PDB file of N, CA and C in Angstrom:
ATOM      1  N   MET A   1       0.908  -1.357   0.042  1.00  0.00           N
ATOM      2  CA  MET A   1      -0.259  -0.078  -0.105  1.00  0.00           C
ATOM      3  C   MET A   1       1.069   0.700  -0.061  1.00  0.00           C
ATOM      4  N   ARG A   2       2.019   1.105   0.313  1.00  0.00           N
ATOM      5  CA  ARG A   2       2.853   2.168   0.359  1.00  0.00           C
ATOM      6  C   ARG A   2       3.417   3.061  -0.980  1.00  0.00           C
ATOM      7  N   ASP A   3       3.323   2.010  -2.178  1.00  0.00           N
ATOM      8  CA  ASP A   3       3.579   2.382  -3.096  1.00  0.00           C
ATOM      9  C   ASP A   3       2.484   3.021  -3.908  1.00  0.00           C
ATOM     10  N   ASP A   4       1.239   2.625  -3.190  1.00  0.00           N
ATOM     11  CA  ASP A   4      -0.056   3.039  -3.964  1.00  0.00           C
ATOM     12  C   ASP A   4       0.027   4.794  -3.259  1.00  0.00           C
ATOM     13  N   VAL A   5       0.388   5.016  -1.932  1.00  0.00           N
ATOM     14  CA  VAL A   5       0.710   6.312  -1.582  1.00  0.00           C
ATOM     15  C   VAL A   5       0.985   7.234  -2.246  1.00  0.00           C
ATOM     16  N   PHE A   6       2.526   6.894  -2.542  1.00  0.00           N
ATOM     17  CA  PHE A   6       3.296   7.606  -3.360  1.00  0.00           C
ATOM     18  C   PHE A   6       2.797   8.185  -5.294  1.00  0.00           C
ATOM     19  N   LYS A   7       2.096   6.695  -5.246  1.00  0.00           N
ATOM     20  CA  LYS A   7       1.660   6.450  -6.773  1.00  0.00           C
ATOM     21  C   LYS A   7       0.357   8.192  -6.790  1.00  0.00           C
ATOM     22  N   ALA A   8      -0.604   7.903  -5.903  1.00  0.00           N
ATOM     23  CA  ALA A   8      -1.766   8.824  -5.807  1.00  0.00           C
ATOM     24  C   ALA A   8      -0.894  10.080  -5.579  1.00  0.00           C
ATOM     25  N   ILE A   9       0.064  10.616  -4.967  1.00  0.00           N
ATOM     26  CA  ILE A   9       0.475  11.666  -4.817  1.00  0.00           C
ATOM     27  C   ILE A   9       1.319  11.761  -6.152  1.00  0.00           C
ATOM     28  N   ASP A  10       1.874  11.205  -6.716  1.00  0.00           N
ATOM     29  CA  ASP A  10       2.197  11.424  -8.317  1.00  0.00           C
ATOM     30  C   ASP A  10       2.059  11.846  -9.065  1.00  0.00           C
ATOM     31  N   VAL A  11       0.342  11.527  -8.923  1.00  0.00           N
ATOM     32  CA  VAL A  11      -0.472  11.613  -9.757  1.00  0.00           C
ATOM     33  C   VAL A  11      -1.879  12.658  -9.249  1.00  0.00           C
ATOM     34  N   ALA A  12      -1.662  13.123  -8.456  1.00  0.00           N
ATOM     35  CA  ALA A  12      -2.118  14.341  -7.420  1.00  0.00           C
ATOM     36  C   ALA A  12      -3.556  13.502  -7.370  1.00  0.00           C
ATOM     37  N   ASP A  13      -3.772  12.670  -7.292  1.00  0.00           N
ATOM     38  CA  ASP A  13      -4.864  11.987  -6.707  1.00  0.00           C
ATOM     39  C   ASP A  13      -5.726  11.863  -5.718  1.00  0.00           C
ATOM     40  N   ILE A  14      -5.986  12.977  -5.394  1.00  0.00           N
ATOM     41  CA  ILE A  14      -6.488  13.868  -3.687  1.00  0.00           C
ATOM     42  C   ILE A  14      -7.618  12.679  -3.171  1.00  0.00           C
ATOM     43  N   ASP A  15      -8.550  11.613  -3.979  1.00  0.00           N
ATOM     44  CA  ASP A  15      -9.670  11.073  -3.448  1.00  0.00           C
ATOM     45  C   ASP A  15      -8.599   9.557  -3.105  1.00  0.00           C
ATOM     46  N   ALA A  16      -8.217   9.374  -3.890  1.00  0.00           N
ATOM     47  CA  ALA A  16      -7.433   7.983  -3.649  1.00  0.00           C
ATOM     48  C   ALA A  16      -6.295   7.991  -2.472  1.00  0.00           C
ATOM     49  N   LEU A  17      -5.713   9.134  -2.535  1.00  0.00           N
ATOM     50  CA  LEU A  17      -4.704   9.510  -1.176  1.00  0.00           C
ATOM     51  C   LEU A  17      -6.045  10.032   0.028  1.00  0.00           C
ATOM     52  N   LYS A  18      -6.819  10.220   0.149  1.00  0.00           N
ATOM     53  CA  LYS A  18      -7.400  10.660   1.652  1.00  0.00           C
ATOM     54  C   LYS A  18      -7.823   8.437   1.903  1.00  0.00           C
ATOM     55  N   VAL A  19      -8.478   7.935   0.447  1.00  0.00           N
ATOM     56  CA  VAL A  19      -8.912   6.773   0.982  1.00  0.00           C
ATOM     57  C   VAL A  19      -8.145   6.246   1.582  1.00  0.00           C
ATOM     58  N   LEU A  20      -6.722   5.942   1.028  1.00  0.00           N
ATOM     59  CA  LEU A  20      -5.597   5.570   1.721  1.00  0.00           C
ATOM     60  C   LEU A  20      -5.097   5.223   3.044  1.00  0.00           C
ATOM     61  N   LEU A  21      -5.477   6.956   2.937  1.00  0.00           N
ATOM     62  CA  LEU A  21      -4.834   7.331   4.736  1.00  0.00           C
ATOM     63  C   LEU A  21      -5.897   7.573   5.393  1.00  0.00           C
ATOM     64  N   ASN A  22      -7.195   6.965   4.936  1.00  0.00           N
ATOM     65  CA  ASN A  22      -8.341   6.551   5.960  1.00  0.00           C
ATOM     66  C   ASN A  22      -8.493   5.123   6.239  1.00  0.00           C
ATOM     67  N   LYS A  23      -8.013   4.215   5.441  1.00  0.00           N
ATOM     68  CA  LYS A  23      -7.650   2.959   5.748  1.00  0.00           C
ATOM     69  C   LYS A  23      -6.770   2.226   7.217  1.00  0.00           C
ATOM     70  N   ASP A  24      -5.761   3.727   6.455  1.00  0.00           N
ATOM     71  CA  ASP A  24      -4.417   3.215   7.223  1.00  0.00           C
ATOM     72  C   ASP A  24      -3.807   4.495   7.627  1.00  0.00           C
ATOM     73  N   PRO A  25      -4.072   5.254   8.707  1.00  0.00           N
ATOM     74  CA  PRO A  25      -3.513   6.367   8.740  1.00  0.00           C
ATOM     75  C   PRO A  25      -1.737   6.418   9.006  1.00  0.00           C
ATOM     76  N   GLY A  26      -1.215   5.598   9.059  1.00  0.00           N
ATOM     77  CA  GLY A  26       0.638   5.577   9.538  1.00  0.00           C
ATOM     78  C   GLY A  26       1.189   5.410   8.257  1.00  0.00           C
ATOM     79  N   LEU A  27       0.359   5.052   6.681  1.00  0.00           N
ATOM     80  CA  LEU A  27       0.864   5.786   5.324  1.00  0.00           C
ATOM     81  C   LEU A  27       1.199   6.831   5.428  1.00  0.00           C
ATOM     82  N   ALA A  28       0.625   7.743   6.492  1.00  0.00           N
ATOM     83  CA  ALA A  28       1.189   9.085   5.976  1.00  0.00           C
ATOM     84  C   ALA A  28       2.482   9.060   6.284  1.00  0.00           C
ATOM     85  N   SER A  29       3.292   8.140   7.106  1.00  0.00           N
ATOM     86  CA  SER A  29       4.741   8.255   7.706  1.00  0.00           C
ATOM     87  C   SER A  29       5.670   7.112   6.748  1.00  0.00           C
ATOM     88  N   SER A  30       4.686   7.282   5.606  1.00  0.00           N
ATOM     89  CA  SER A  30       5.493   6.034   4.580  1.00  0.00           C
ATOM     90  C   SER A  30       6.906   6.635   4.261  1.00  0.00           C
ATOM     91  N   ARG A  31       7.999   6.335   3.724  1.00  0.00           N
ATOM     92  CA  ARG A  31       8.845   6.395   3.201  1.00  0.00           C
ATOM     93  C   ARG A  31       9.544   5.110   2.049  1.00  0.00           C
ATOM     94  N   SER A  32      10.071   5.732   1.131  1.00  0.00           N
ATOM     95  CA  SER A  32      10.663   4.722   0.263  1.00  0.00           C
ATOM     96  C   SER A  32      11.434   3.713   0.740  1.00  0.00           C
ATOM     97  N   ASP A  33      12.140   2.763  -0.494  1.00  0.00           N
ATOM     98  CA  ASP A  33      13.518   2.188   0.113  1.00  0.00           C
ATOM     99  C   ASP A  33      14.464   3.116   0.126  1.00  0.00           C
ATOM    100  N   ASP A  34      14.729   4.046  -0.341  1.00  0.00           N
ATOM    101  CA  ASP A  34      15.370   4.958  -0.194  1.00  0.00           C
ATOM    102  C   ASP A  34      15.600   6.301   0.936  1.00  0.00           C
ATOM    103  N   GLY A  35      14.374   5.942   1.684  1.00  0.00           N
ATOM    104  CA  GLY A  35      14.612   6.869   2.758  1.00  0.00           C
ATOM    105  C   GLY A  35      13.303   7.595   2.554  1.00  0.00           C
ATOM    106  N   LEU A  36      12.643   8.155   1.556  1.00  0.00           N
ATOM    107  CA  LEU A  36      12.153   9.644   1.394  1.00  0.00           C
ATOM    108  C   LEU A  36      10.583   9.287   1.685  1.00  0.00           C
ATOM    109  N   SER A  37      10.480  10.302   2.407  1.00  0.00           N
ATOM    110  CA  SER A  37       8.842  10.164   2.984  1.00  0.00           C
ATOM    111  C   SER A  37       8.115  11.085   2.085  1.00  0.00           C
ATOM    112  N   VAL A  38       6.721  10.438   2.074  1.00  0.00           N
ATOM    113  CA  VAL A  38       5.620  10.687   1.162  1.00  0.00           C
ATOM    114  C   VAL A  38       5.499  12.466   1.445  1.00  0.00           C
ATOM    115  N   VAL A  39       5.824  12.932   2.708  1.00  0.00           N
ATOM    116  CA  VAL A  39       5.909  14.320   2.636  1.00  0.00           C
ATOM    117  C   VAL A  39       6.828  15.124   2.117  1.00  0.00           C
ATOM    118  N   LEU A  40       7.512  14.727   2.306  1.00  0.00           N
ATOM    119  CA  LEU A  40       8.861  15.491   1.261  1.00  0.00           C
ATOM    120  C   LEU A  40       8.686  14.810  -0.314  1.00  0.00           C
ATOM    121  N   PHE A  41       8.160  13.942  -0.675  1.00  0.00           N
ATOM    122  CA  PHE A  41       8.172  13.857  -1.759  1.00  0.00           C
ATOM    123  C   PHE A  41       6.938  15.039  -2.709  1.00  0.00           C
ATOM    124  N   SER A  42       5.844  14.500  -1.878  1.00  0.00           N
ATOM    125  CA  SER A  42       4.425  15.823  -2.542  1.00  0.00           C
ATOM    126  C   SER A  42       5.251  17.045  -2.410  1.00  0.00           C
ATOM    127  N   LEU A  43       5.869  17.558  -1.573  1.00  0.00           N
ATOM    128  CA  LEU A  43       6.508  18.922  -1.316  1.00  0.00           C
ATOM    129  C   LEU A  43       7.575  18.959  -2.576  1.00  0.00           C
ATOM    130  N   TYR A  44       8.566  18.370  -2.854  1.00  0.00           N
ATOM    131  CA  TYR A  44       9.424  18.241  -4.059  1.00  0.00           C
ATOM    132  C   TYR A  44       8.742  17.910  -5.332  1.00  0.00           C
ATOM    133  N   ILE A  45       7.720  17.653  -5.172  1.00  0.00           N
ATOM    134  CA  ILE A  45       6.631  17.376  -6.741  1.00  0.00           C
ATOM    135  C   ILE A  45       5.701  18.503  -6.614  1.00  0.00           C
ATOM    136  N   GLN A  46       6.140  19.346  -5.465  1.00  0.00           N
ATOM    137  CA  GLN A  46       4.846  20.890  -5.712  1.00  0.00           C
ATOM    138  C   GLN A  46       3.656  20.595  -5.357  1.00  0.00           C
ATOM    139  N   LYS A  47       3.035  19.599  -4.774  1.00  0.00           N
ATOM    140  CA  LYS A  47       1.535  19.435  -4.488  1.00  0.00           C
ATOM    141  C   LYS A  47       1.276  19.602  -3.045  1.00  0.00           C
ATOM    142  N   PRO A  48       0.987  21.098  -2.961  1.00  0.00           N
ATOM    143  CA  PRO A  48       1.142  21.382  -1.630  1.00  0.00           C
ATOM    144  C   PRO A  48      -0.319  21.123  -0.907  1.00  0.00           C
ATOM    145  N   GLU A  49      -1.141  21.104  -1.469  1.00  0.00           N
ATOM    146  CA  GLU A  49      -2.633  20.396  -1.214  1.00  0.00           C
ATOM    147  C   GLU A  49      -2.553  18.960  -0.395  1.00  0.00           C
ATOM    148  N   LEU A  50      -1.579  17.720  -1.246  1.00  0.00           N
ATOM    149  CA  LEU A  50      -1.441  16.701  -0.891  1.00  0.00           C
ATOM    150  C   LEU A  50      -0.514  16.542   0.339  1.00  0.00           C
ATOM    151  N   THR A  51       0.530  17.528   0.657  1.00  0.00           N
ATOM    152  CA  THR A  51       1.032  17.944   1.946  1.00  0.00           C
ATOM    153  C   THR A  51       0.271  18.199   2.792  1.00  0.00           C
ATOM    154  N   GLU A  52      -0.839  19.041   2.643  1.00  0.00           N
ATOM    155  CA  GLU A  52      -1.643  19.656   4.272  1.00  0.00           C
ATOM    156  C   GLU A  52      -2.570  18.510   4.317  1.00  0.00           C
ATOM    157  N   ILE A  53      -3.116  17.221   3.484  1.00  0.00           N
ATOM    158  CA  ILE A  53      -3.863  16.200   4.018  1.00  0.00           C
ATOM    159  C   ILE A  53      -2.745  15.120   4.563  1.00  0.00           C
ATOM    160  N   LEU A  54      -1.774  14.779   4.194  1.00  0.00           N
ATOM    161  CA  LEU A  54      -0.730  14.110   5.067  1.00  0.00           C
ATOM    162  C   LEU A  54      -0.303  14.558   6.206  1.00  0.00           C
ATOM    163  N   LEU A  55      -0.011  16.228   6.585  1.00  0.00           N
ATOM    164  CA  LEU A  55      -0.137  16.456   7.857  1.00  0.00           C
ATOM    165  C   LEU A  55      -1.230  16.201   8.753  1.00  0.00           C
ATOM    166  N   LYS A  56      -2.053  16.070   8.261  1.00  0.00           N
ATOM    167  CA  LYS A  56      -3.403  16.159   9.104  1.00  0.00           C
ATOM    168  C   LYS A  56      -3.456  14.639   9.894  1.00  0.00           C
ATOM    169  N   PHE A  57      -2.993  13.695   9.096  1.00  0.00           N
ATOM    170  CA  PHE A  57      -2.445  12.064   9.707  1.00  0.00           C
ATOM    171  C   PHE A  57      -1.598  12.131  10.543  1.00  0.00           C
ATOM    172  N   LYS A  58      -0.983  13.451  10.917  1.00  0.00           N
ATOM    173  CA  LYS A  58       0.259  13.126  12.132  1.00  0.00           C
ATOM    174  C   LYS A  58       1.539  12.348  11.689  1.00  0.00           C
ATOM    175  N   PRO A  59       1.761  12.589  10.811  1.00  0.00           N
ATOM    176  CA  PRO A  59       3.235  12.047  10.107  1.00  0.00           C
ATOM    177  C   PRO A  59       4.261  12.102  11.198  1.00  0.00           C
ATOM    178  N   GLU A  60       5.340  10.559  11.283  1.00  0.00           N
ATOM    179  CA  GLU A  60       6.456  10.893  12.001  1.00  0.00           C
ATOM    180  C   GLU A  60       7.395  11.639  10.804  1.00  0.00           C
ATOM    181  N   LEU A  61       7.559  12.883  11.373  1.00  0.00           N
ATOM    182  CA  LEU A  61       8.718  13.466  10.451  1.00  0.00           C
ATOM    183  C   LEU A  61      10.195  13.739  10.926  1.00  0.00           C
ATOM    184  N   ASP A  62      11.248  13.311  10.262  1.00  0.00           N
ATOM    185  CA  ASP A  62      12.689  13.518  10.467  1.00  0.00           C
ATOM    186  C   ASP A  62      13.174  14.605  10.292  1.00  0.00           C
ATOM    187  N   VAL A  63      13.979  15.418  10.676  1.00  0.00           N
ATOM    188  CA  VAL A  63      14.953  16.926  10.494  1.00  0.00           C
ATOM    189  C   VAL A  63      14.763  17.029   9.107  1.00  0.00           C
ATOM    190  N   PHE A  64      14.906  16.524   7.916  1.00  0.00           N
ATOM    191  CA  PHE A  64      14.961  16.870   6.806  1.00  0.00           C
ATOM    192  C   PHE A  64      13.516  17.373   6.546  1.00  0.00           C
ATOM    193  N   ASP A  65      12.153  16.131   6.688  1.00  0.00           N
ATOM    194  CA  ASP A  65      11.022  16.686   6.763  1.00  0.00           C
ATOM    195  C   ASP A  65      11.005  18.027   7.084  1.00  0.00           C
ATOM    196  N   LEU A  66      11.153  18.506   8.688  1.00  0.00           N
ATOM    197  CA  LEU A  66      11.007  19.855   9.055  1.00  0.00           C
ATOM    198  C   LEU A  66      11.631  20.478   8.698  1.00  0.00           C
ATOM    199  N   ALA A  67      12.711  20.608   8.352  1.00  0.00           N
ATOM    200  CA  ALA A  67      13.870  21.784   7.481  1.00  0.00           C
ATOM    201  C   ALA A  67      12.984  21.888   5.988  1.00  0.00           C
ATOM    202  N   ALA A  68      11.940  21.064   5.316  1.00  0.00           N
ATOM    203  CA  ALA A  68      11.427  21.407   4.180  1.00  0.00           C
ATOM    204  C   ALA A  68      10.468  22.005   4.773  1.00  0.00           C
ATOM    205  N   LEU A  69       9.593  21.789   5.365  1.00  0.00           N
ATOM    206  CA  LEU A  69       8.274  21.798   6.156  1.00  0.00           C
ATOM    207  C   LEU A  69       8.254  23.494   6.598  1.00  0.00           C
ATOM    208  N   GLY A  70       9.705  23.996   7.024  1.00  0.00           N
ATOM    209  CA  GLY A  70       9.880  25.629   8.068  1.00  0.00           C
ATOM    210  C   GLY A  70      10.139  25.475   9.315  1.00  0.00           C
ATOM    211  N   GLY A  71      10.196  24.175  10.116  1.00  0.00           N
ATOM    212  CA  GLY A  71       9.905  23.598  11.171  1.00  0.00           C
ATOM    213  C   GLY A  71      11.578  24.137  11.912  1.00  0.00           C
ATOM    214  N   VAL A  72      11.891  25.053  12.036  1.00  0.00           N
ATOM    215  CA  VAL A  72      13.232  25.380  12.469  1.00  0.00           C
ATOM    216  C   VAL A  72      13.344  25.219  14.016  1.00  0.00           C
ATOM    217  N   GLY A  73      12.050  25.859  14.577  1.00  0.00           N
ATOM    218  CA  GLY A  73      11.431  25.283  16.045  1.00  0.00           C
ATOM    219  C   GLY A  73      11.943  24.154  16.319  1.00  0.00           C
ATOM    220  N   GLN A  74      11.017  23.144  15.673  1.00  0.00           N
ATOM    221  CA  GLN A  74      11.395  22.267  16.084  1.00  0.00           C
ATOM    222  C   GLN A  74      12.731  20.769  15.877  1.00  0.00           C
ATOM    223  N   ILE A  75      13.395  21.566  14.594  1.00  0.00           N
ATOM    224  CA  ILE A  75      14.573  20.912  14.783  1.00  0.00           C
ATOM    225  C   ILE A  75      15.602  21.588  15.494  1.00  0.00           C
ATOM    226  N   SER A  76      15.373  22.608  16.225  1.00  0.00           N
ATOM    227  CA  SER A  76      16.387  23.000  16.897  1.00  0.00           C
ATOM    228  C   SER A  76      16.390  22.062  18.252  1.00  0.00           C
ATOM    229  N   HIS A  77      15.143  21.748  18.942  1.00  0.00           N
ATOM    230  CA  HIS A  77      14.739  21.274  19.658  1.00  0.00           C
ATOM    231  C   HIS A  77      15.625  19.618  19.953  1.00  0.00           C
ATOM    232  N   ILE A  78      15.503  19.383  18.752  1.00  0.00           N
ATOM    233  CA  ILE A  78      15.891  17.584  17.888  1.00  0.00           C
ATOM    234  C   ILE A  78      17.456  17.486  18.353  1.00  0.00           C
ATOM    235  N   LEU A  79      17.878  18.913  17.364  1.00  0.00           N
ATOM    236  CA  LEU A  79      19.614  19.111  17.846  1.00  0.00           C
ATOM    237  C   LEU A  79      20.189  18.941  19.272  1.00  0.00           C
ATOM    238  N   ALA A  80      19.192  20.114  19.829  1.00  0.00           N
ATOM    239  CA  ALA A  80      19.496  20.111  21.202  1.00  0.00           C
ATOM    240  C   ALA A  80      19.448  19.120  21.964  1.00  0.00           C
ATOM    241  N   THR A  81      18.340  18.628  21.834  1.00  0.00           N
ATOM    242  CA  THR A  81      18.054  16.771  22.847  1.00  0.00           C
ATOM    243  C   THR A  81      19.110  16.223  22.417  1.00  0.00           C
ATOM    244  N   ASP A  82      19.392  15.883  21.138  1.00  0.00           N
ATOM    245  CA  ASP A  82      19.893  13.948  20.503  1.00  0.00           C
ATOM    246  C   ASP A  82      20.646  14.835  19.455  1.00  0.00           C
ATOM    247  N   PRO A  83      21.701  15.378  19.587  1.00  0.00           N
ATOM    248  CA  PRO A  83      22.464  15.507  18.109  1.00  0.00           C
ATOM    249  C   PRO A  83      22.707  14.648  17.383  1.00  0.00           C
ATOM    250  N   LYS A  84      22.891  13.496  17.668  1.00  0.00           N
ATOM    251  CA  LYS A  84      22.731  12.203  16.862  1.00  0.00           C
ATOM    252  C   LYS A  84      22.047  12.538  15.319  1.00  0.00           C
TER     253      LYS A  84
END
C-alpha cells in the first residue's frame, strides 16, 4: 500500500490518497526504499494540497521533513536534545 500512496501523490489523486490514509493512517509516515518520506515527496513535486492532507494524519517527521516544512524550532529542539 505504501507504493499506492506514492502513486496517488505523483498523479495528484486527492481522493485516492484520502481513501488510503483513512484505511491506514500510518501510511502518512511511509518512506521509499531510499528513505524518502511521502511528505517530502509531495513537497518535492510541488503538491502542497497533498502535503496538507498528509500532515492532518500526523506523520512521523525527521529533520529533513521538518526543514522542508520550515520547522526550525522543532529542528533546534531535536538537535539540542539528541544531536546524533
